[in-house]
Protein backbone atom coordinates (compact mmCIF):
# COMPACT_ATOMS: atom_id res chain seq x y z
CA MET A 1 49.02 -81.60 -89.57
CA LYS A 2 51.98 -83.82 -88.84
CA TRP A 3 55.47 -82.51 -88.18
CA SER A 4 56.82 -85.35 -90.31
CA ASP A 5 55.36 -83.83 -93.47
CA PRO A 6 57.57 -80.70 -93.71
CA LEU A 7 60.48 -82.66 -92.18
CA ARG A 8 60.21 -85.35 -94.83
CA LEU A 9 60.04 -82.79 -97.62
CA SER A 10 63.03 -80.93 -96.17
CA ALA A 11 65.06 -84.14 -95.88
CA TYR A 12 64.42 -85.03 -99.51
CA ILE A 13 65.51 -81.60 -100.70
CA ALA A 14 68.53 -81.53 -98.32
CA THR A 15 69.74 -84.90 -99.60
CA ILE A 16 69.63 -83.64 -103.15
CA ILE A 17 71.51 -80.46 -102.14
CA ILE A 18 74.25 -82.50 -100.36
CA LEU A 19 74.84 -84.53 -103.48
CA VAL A 20 74.78 -81.54 -105.81
CA SER A 21 76.95 -79.42 -103.47
CA THR A 22 79.50 -82.19 -102.99
CA VAL A 23 79.89 -82.70 -106.71
CA THR A 24 79.99 -78.96 -107.38
CA LEU A 25 82.60 -78.23 -104.69
CA LYS A 26 84.68 -81.16 -105.83
CA MET A 27 84.70 -79.78 -109.35
CA MET A 28 85.75 -76.39 -107.94
CA GLY A 29 88.88 -77.94 -106.40
CA TYR A 30 87.77 -78.44 -102.80
CA LYS A 31 89.16 -81.63 -101.27
CA TYR A 32 87.49 -84.15 -98.96
CA PRO A 33 86.55 -83.75 -96.09
CA ASN A 34 86.30 -79.98 -96.64
CA THR A 35 83.96 -80.58 -99.57
CA PHE A 36 81.66 -82.73 -97.48
CA TYR A 37 81.62 -80.36 -94.50
CA ALA A 38 80.81 -77.40 -96.71
CA ALA A 39 78.02 -79.32 -98.39
CA LEU A 40 76.72 -80.46 -95.01
CA ILE A 41 76.60 -76.90 -93.64
CA ILE A 42 74.76 -75.71 -96.74
CA SER A 43 72.34 -78.63 -96.47
CA VAL A 44 71.58 -78.07 -92.77
CA CYS A 45 70.88 -74.40 -93.38
CA THR A 46 68.71 -75.31 -96.33
CA LEU A 47 66.96 -78.02 -94.31
CA VAL A 48 66.04 -75.61 -91.52
CA SER A 49 64.90 -72.93 -93.97
CA ILE A 50 62.77 -75.30 -96.01
CA PHE A 51 61.31 -76.91 -92.86
CA LEU A 52 60.23 -73.60 -91.40
CA PHE A 53 58.96 -72.30 -94.72
CA SER A 54 56.96 -75.45 -95.58
CA HIS A 55 55.57 -75.82 -92.09
CA TYR A 56 54.27 -72.28 -91.68
CA THR A 57 53.29 -71.47 -95.26
CA VAL A 58 52.24 -74.75 -96.89
CA PHE A 59 51.36 -77.57 -94.52
CA LYS A 60 49.78 -75.37 -91.89
CA LYS A 61 47.45 -73.94 -94.53
CA ILE A 62 46.71 -77.46 -95.75
CA GLN A 63 45.74 -78.43 -92.20
CA THR A 64 43.57 -75.33 -91.88
CA VAL A 65 41.71 -76.24 -95.07
CA SER A 66 41.31 -79.85 -93.87
CA ASP A 67 39.94 -78.70 -90.53
CA GLU A 68 37.43 -76.38 -92.18
CA ILE A 69 36.23 -79.20 -94.41
CA GLU A 70 35.93 -81.48 -91.38
CA LYS A 71 33.84 -78.83 -89.63
CA SER A 72 31.56 -78.51 -92.63
CA LEU A 73 31.09 -82.27 -92.59
CA SER A 74 30.17 -82.08 -88.89
CA LYS A 75 32.88 -84.57 -88.01
CA LYS A 76 35.47 -84.57 -85.28
CA LYS A 77 38.79 -83.10 -86.27
CA LYS A 78 41.38 -85.65 -87.13
CA ASN A 79 45.09 -85.53 -87.83
CA LYS A 80 45.66 -82.32 -85.89
CA MET A 81 49.13 -80.87 -85.64
CA GLY A 82 51.10 -83.24 -83.44
CA ASP A 83 49.23 -86.41 -84.51
CA PHE A 84 51.56 -89.10 -85.76
CA ASP A 85 49.80 -91.64 -87.92
CA GLU A 86 50.62 -93.18 -91.23
CA LYS A 87 48.64 -90.65 -93.27
CA SER A 88 50.20 -87.42 -94.48
CA SER A 89 48.49 -84.04 -94.44
CA LEU A 90 47.99 -84.27 -98.19
CA ASP A 91 46.27 -87.64 -97.74
CA VAL A 92 44.03 -86.16 -95.06
CA LEU A 93 43.18 -83.20 -97.29
CA ASN A 94 42.49 -85.50 -100.23
CA ASN A 95 40.18 -87.69 -98.11
CA ALA A 96 38.39 -84.68 -96.67
CA VAL A 97 37.83 -83.18 -100.11
CA ASN A 98 36.52 -86.52 -101.44
CA ARG A 99 34.15 -86.82 -98.51
CA LEU A 100 32.97 -83.25 -99.04
CA ILE A 101 32.32 -83.94 -102.73
CA LYS A 102 30.33 -87.08 -101.90
CA GLU A 103 28.29 -85.29 -99.25
CA LYS A 104 27.49 -82.37 -101.52
CA ALA A 105 26.55 -84.78 -104.31
CA THR A 106 24.18 -86.52 -101.88
CA GLU A 107 22.71 -83.18 -100.83
CA ILE A 108 22.14 -82.24 -104.46
CA ASP A 109 20.41 -85.58 -105.13
CA THR A 110 18.25 -85.08 -102.03
CA LEU A 111 17.30 -81.56 -103.13
CA LYS A 112 16.41 -82.85 -106.60
CA GLU A 113 14.30 -85.61 -105.07
CA SER A 114 12.61 -83.12 -102.74
CA GLU A 115 11.84 -80.81 -105.65
CA LYS A 116 10.39 -83.71 -107.62
CA TYR A 117 8.32 -84.75 -104.62
CA ARG A 118 7.14 -81.16 -104.09
CA ARG A 119 5.96 -80.91 -107.70
CA GLU A 120 4.17 -84.24 -107.49
CA PHE A 121 2.60 -83.33 -104.17
CA LEU A 122 1.31 -79.98 -105.43
CA GLY A 123 0.01 -81.67 -108.57
CA ASN A 124 -1.82 -84.29 -106.50
CA VAL A 125 -3.30 -81.67 -104.19
CA ALA A 126 -4.51 -79.61 -107.14
CA HIS A 127 -6.00 -82.71 -108.74
CA GLU A 128 -7.80 -83.77 -105.55
CA LEU A 129 -9.16 -80.27 -104.96
CA ARG A 130 -10.28 -79.78 -108.53
CA SER A 131 -12.84 -82.59 -108.53
CA PRO A 132 -15.03 -81.53 -105.56
CA ILE A 133 -14.70 -77.83 -106.41
CA PHE A 134 -15.84 -78.39 -110.01
CA ASN A 135 -18.71 -80.59 -108.81
CA ILE A 136 -19.90 -77.99 -106.31
CA GLN A 137 -19.55 -75.28 -108.95
CA GLY A 138 -21.66 -77.31 -111.39
CA TYR A 139 -24.44 -78.03 -108.90
CA VAL A 140 -24.65 -74.42 -107.68
CA HIS A 141 -24.65 -72.90 -111.17
CA THR A 142 -27.31 -75.37 -112.31
CA LEU A 143 -29.52 -74.36 -109.40
CA LEU A 144 -28.95 -70.65 -110.03
CA GLU A 145 -29.84 -71.07 -113.69
CA GLY A 146 -33.39 -72.24 -112.91
CA ALA A 147 -33.24 -75.70 -111.33
CA MET A 148 -33.95 -74.12 -107.94
CA GLU A 149 -37.67 -74.09 -108.78
CA ASP A 150 -37.78 -77.88 -109.07
CA GLU A 151 -37.83 -79.16 -105.50
CA THR A 152 -36.69 -82.67 -106.43
CA VAL A 153 -33.71 -81.44 -108.45
CA ARG A 154 -32.90 -78.79 -105.84
CA ASN A 155 -32.75 -81.28 -102.98
CA LYS A 156 -30.77 -83.76 -105.05
CA PHE A 157 -28.18 -81.19 -106.14
CA LEU A 158 -27.89 -79.66 -102.67
CA LYS A 159 -27.17 -83.10 -101.18
CA LYS A 160 -24.52 -83.76 -103.82
CA ALA A 161 -22.97 -80.34 -103.23
CA ALA A 162 -22.96 -81.02 -99.48
CA ASN A 163 -21.23 -84.36 -100.00
CA ASN A 164 -18.53 -82.70 -102.07
CA ILE A 165 -18.10 -79.98 -99.44
CA ASP A 166 -17.61 -82.70 -96.81
CA LEU A 167 -15.03 -84.35 -99.09
CA LEU A 168 -13.27 -81.02 -99.55
CA SER A 169 -13.30 -80.39 -95.81
CA ASP A 170 -11.82 -83.83 -95.11
CA LEU A 171 -9.07 -83.23 -97.65
CA VAL A 172 -8.13 -79.86 -96.14
CA ASN A 173 -8.12 -81.32 -92.63
CA ASP A 174 -5.90 -84.19 -93.76
CA LEU A 175 -3.53 -81.77 -95.48
CA VAL A 176 -3.29 -79.73 -92.27
CA THR A 177 -2.55 -82.92 -90.33
CA ILE A 178 0.18 -83.96 -92.76
CA SER A 179 1.68 -80.47 -92.57
CA LEU A 180 1.74 -80.54 -88.75
CA ILE A 181 3.36 -83.96 -88.75
CA GLU A 182 6.13 -83.05 -91.18
CA SER A 183 6.84 -79.70 -89.57
CA GLY A 184 7.30 -81.41 -86.21
CA GLU A 185 4.51 -79.33 -84.65
CA MET A 186 2.28 -82.32 -83.91
CA MET A 187 2.60 -83.30 -80.26
CA LEU A 188 1.45 -86.58 -78.77
CA GLU A 189 -0.61 -86.57 -75.57
CA HIS A 190 0.05 -89.94 -73.98
CA THR A 191 -2.57 -91.24 -71.57
CA ARG A 192 -3.54 -94.61 -70.14
CA PHE A 193 -6.75 -95.97 -71.69
CA SER A 194 -8.54 -99.20 -72.52
CA LEU A 195 -7.87 -100.33 -76.07
CA ASN A 196 -10.94 -102.59 -75.94
CA GLU A 197 -13.27 -99.70 -75.14
CA LEU A 198 -11.76 -97.50 -77.87
CA ILE A 199 -12.18 -100.24 -80.48
CA LYS A 200 -15.81 -100.78 -79.43
CA GLU A 201 -16.41 -97.02 -79.71
CA VAL A 202 -15.03 -96.99 -83.27
CA MET A 203 -17.04 -100.10 -84.16
CA ASP A 204 -20.21 -98.31 -83.03
CA LEU A 205 -19.35 -95.38 -85.31
CA GLU A 206 -18.90 -97.73 -88.28
CA GLU A 207 -21.90 -99.92 -87.49
CA THR A 208 -24.35 -98.16 -89.81
CA GLN A 209 -22.06 -98.38 -92.83
CA ALA A 210 -21.27 -102.01 -92.03
CA LYS A 211 -24.98 -102.93 -91.83
CA GLU A 212 -25.59 -101.39 -95.26
CA LYS A 213 -23.23 -104.04 -96.71
CA ASP A 214 -24.22 -106.71 -94.18
CA ILE A 215 -20.64 -106.83 -92.89
CA SER A 216 -20.04 -108.15 -89.38
CA LEU A 217 -17.73 -106.23 -87.04
CA LEU A 218 -15.98 -108.55 -84.60
CA LEU A 219 -13.59 -107.92 -81.70
CA LYS A 220 -11.36 -110.78 -80.58
CA THR A 221 -9.01 -110.73 -77.61
CA GLU A 222 -6.26 -113.28 -77.04
CA ASN A 223 -5.27 -114.06 -73.46
CA THR A 224 -6.70 -110.79 -72.14
CA GLU A 225 -9.98 -109.23 -71.13
CA VAL A 226 -8.85 -105.63 -70.91
CA ALA A 227 -5.82 -104.21 -72.75
CA TYR A 228 -4.55 -100.91 -71.39
CA VAL A 229 -2.14 -98.93 -73.56
CA PHE A 230 -0.09 -95.79 -73.05
CA ALA A 231 -0.60 -93.70 -76.17
CA ASP A 232 -2.33 -90.69 -77.69
CA LYS A 233 -5.98 -91.74 -77.59
CA GLN A 234 -7.26 -89.38 -80.30
CA LYS A 235 -4.48 -90.33 -82.72
CA ILE A 236 -5.07 -94.06 -82.19
CA LYS A 237 -8.80 -93.50 -82.59
CA GLN A 238 -8.15 -91.89 -85.98
CA VAL A 239 -5.93 -94.84 -86.92
CA LEU A 240 -8.65 -97.35 -86.03
CA LEU A 241 -11.35 -95.30 -87.74
CA ASN A 242 -9.36 -95.21 -90.96
CA LEU A 243 -8.47 -98.92 -90.96
CA ILE A 244 -11.93 -100.18 -90.00
CA ASN A 245 -13.65 -97.74 -92.38
CA ASN A 246 -11.45 -98.90 -95.27
CA SER A 247 -12.10 -102.51 -94.37
CA VAL A 248 -15.86 -101.97 -94.49
CA LYS A 249 -15.72 -99.69 -97.52
CA TYR A 250 -13.84 -102.19 -99.68
CA GLY A 251 -15.09 -105.38 -98.03
CA LYS A 252 -17.40 -107.88 -99.66
CA GLU A 253 -21.08 -107.83 -98.84
CA GLU A 254 -22.03 -110.31 -96.12
CA GLY A 255 -18.37 -110.40 -95.16
CA ALA A 256 -16.61 -109.66 -91.87
CA THR A 257 -14.10 -107.24 -90.39
CA THR A 258 -12.24 -108.61 -87.40
CA ILE A 259 -10.20 -106.57 -84.94
CA THR A 260 -7.85 -108.73 -82.87
CA ILE A 261 -5.90 -107.75 -79.74
CA SER A 262 -3.00 -110.03 -78.83
CA ASP A 263 -0.51 -110.04 -75.95
CA MET A 264 3.07 -109.36 -77.06
CA ASN A 265 4.83 -109.16 -73.67
CA THR A 266 5.54 -105.42 -73.33
CA GLU A 267 3.16 -104.47 -76.15
CA TRP A 268 -0.37 -105.10 -77.36
CA GLY A 269 -0.65 -106.21 -80.99
CA ILE A 270 -3.63 -104.98 -83.00
CA GLU A 271 -4.83 -106.50 -86.29
CA VAL A 272 -7.63 -105.30 -88.55
CA SER A 273 -8.49 -108.04 -91.04
CA ASP A 274 -11.21 -108.59 -93.61
CA ASN A 275 -12.24 -111.07 -96.27
CA GLY A 276 -12.62 -108.49 -99.03
CA ASP A 277 -11.17 -108.28 -102.51
CA GLY A 278 -7.62 -107.88 -101.25
CA ILE A 279 -4.76 -105.81 -102.65
CA ALA A 280 -2.45 -106.96 -105.44
CA ALA A 281 1.20 -107.52 -104.46
CA GLU A 282 2.50 -104.72 -106.71
CA HIS A 283 0.42 -102.16 -104.82
CA LEU A 284 1.29 -103.18 -101.24
CA PRO A 285 4.67 -101.36 -101.01
CA ARG A 286 3.00 -98.07 -101.95
CA ILE A 287 -0.36 -98.06 -100.16
CA PHE A 288 0.98 -95.80 -97.37
CA GLU A 289 2.10 -93.14 -99.86
CA ARG A 290 0.11 -89.93 -100.06
CA PHE A 291 -2.61 -89.89 -102.69
CA TYR A 292 -1.72 -93.38 -103.85
CA ARG A 293 -4.86 -95.21 -104.94
CA VAL A 294 -5.07 -98.91 -105.70
CA ASP A 295 -8.24 -98.34 -107.70
CA LYS A 296 -8.48 -94.63 -108.49
CA ASN A 297 -11.97 -94.64 -109.93
CA ARG A 298 -13.49 -96.74 -107.17
CA GLU A 299 -11.90 -94.83 -104.30
CA ARG A 300 -12.86 -91.44 -105.67
CA SER A 301 -16.46 -92.58 -106.04
CA GLU A 302 -16.38 -93.90 -102.46
CA GLY A 303 -14.90 -90.66 -101.16
CA GLY A 304 -11.71 -90.19 -99.19
CA SER A 305 -8.78 -87.82 -99.50
CA GLY A 306 -6.14 -90.37 -100.42
CA LEU A 307 -4.16 -89.33 -97.34
CA GLY A 308 -5.72 -91.63 -94.76
CA LEU A 309 -3.15 -94.43 -94.75
CA ALA A 310 -0.28 -91.94 -94.96
CA ILE A 311 -1.59 -90.28 -91.79
CA VAL A 312 -2.06 -93.69 -90.14
CA LYS A 313 1.57 -94.55 -90.88
CA HIS A 314 2.78 -91.22 -89.45
CA PHE A 315 0.70 -91.61 -86.28
CA ILE A 316 1.96 -95.13 -85.59
CA GLU A 317 5.57 -94.15 -86.30
CA ALA A 318 5.17 -91.15 -83.96
CA HIS A 319 4.47 -93.76 -81.25
CA LYS A 320 7.80 -95.44 -82.14
CA HIS A 321 6.11 -98.41 -83.81
CA LYS A 322 5.47 -99.59 -87.36
CA ILE A 323 2.38 -100.62 -89.29
CA TYR A 324 2.37 -103.57 -91.66
CA ALA A 325 0.02 -104.69 -94.42
CA THR A 326 -0.42 -108.14 -95.93
CA SER A 327 -3.01 -109.05 -98.50
CA SER A 328 -4.06 -111.67 -101.02
CA VAL A 329 -6.34 -110.93 -103.97
CA GLY A 330 -9.75 -112.51 -103.44
CA ILE A 331 -8.96 -113.49 -99.84
CA GLY A 332 -8.61 -110.26 -97.90
CA SER A 333 -6.22 -107.89 -96.16
CA ILE A 334 -4.61 -107.56 -92.74
CA PHE A 335 -3.25 -104.34 -91.24
CA SER A 336 -1.26 -104.81 -88.04
CA PHE A 337 0.60 -102.62 -85.57
CA SER A 338 1.49 -102.59 -81.87
CA LEU A 339 1.31 -100.17 -78.93
CA ASP A 340 3.13 -100.03 -75.62
CA LYS A 341 1.37 -101.54 -72.65
CA ALA A 342 0.40 -99.09 -69.94
CA LYS A 343 1.99 -99.48 -66.54
CA GLU A 344 -0.12 -99.46 -63.41
CA ASN A 345 1.05 -95.99 -62.37
CA GLU A 346 0.57 -94.37 -65.79
């Protein structure tokens, strides 16, 4: 609060009192300068009274309110008592109130958006769980109702039930992972390891599926034989598994999936590219969203929880990097990200 606020108010009122008192005393027969002196004494007394009253009962309370609002906005206090700037206490209070209104409006919008997201998320989870649960239920009930005696049907239904159980297990595991990420409980365990060896390990895991579609898995290195990174090995392995698996899953038969490592000064760049069907431009901005499916029917038939790319995005961002996707329909897709190079002593 500024001392000029009550002083200014007091001066305005005192000026009015001088004029009124002078005219009144003149009309009562007092002569100048007695009239002026009397009016001046009255005005000074009034000025002091109004100043003290306004300072301790009005403006001080205004400053208290302003300070409380500033605290609620988590901002530094401004315009404290003794500050002399061009803004009055009323201006400060008005600005603080406006800022508080805007912040609360933003909080309300955020809460509404969070509630909408929560409903959509629960709906998606329920939808994803329903399909494998109903399938398992159907296979088991069919077997219990007599199909158990037919060995061919029994084996067929048990395999289908097992596949759906695996799908259900993957979905639950991915949901747990997402929950850990968002709650801040997921911790990274940085170690120094060879990116080349990790990629080859993942390629070996995907080799069988790739051979079924006659897809070649290729590793290319640019200007390096061995790329050491400092990162969480298990998290990066899951990232590579997801990207390479998707590339093979949706790639064209007799096609190729290429993993490229490139030197980017303080970082290693990693690209996973294919010559598959590609992703339409309208889908690209949303492919890292949870449960978002470019082709819902195809992806559900291929399996997958719909959370893979969302987890990939979270893992890469947890390493303080970003993942990018480019694609052209009929030509293929490229997913790229980078990781910090490992130092010799790490």
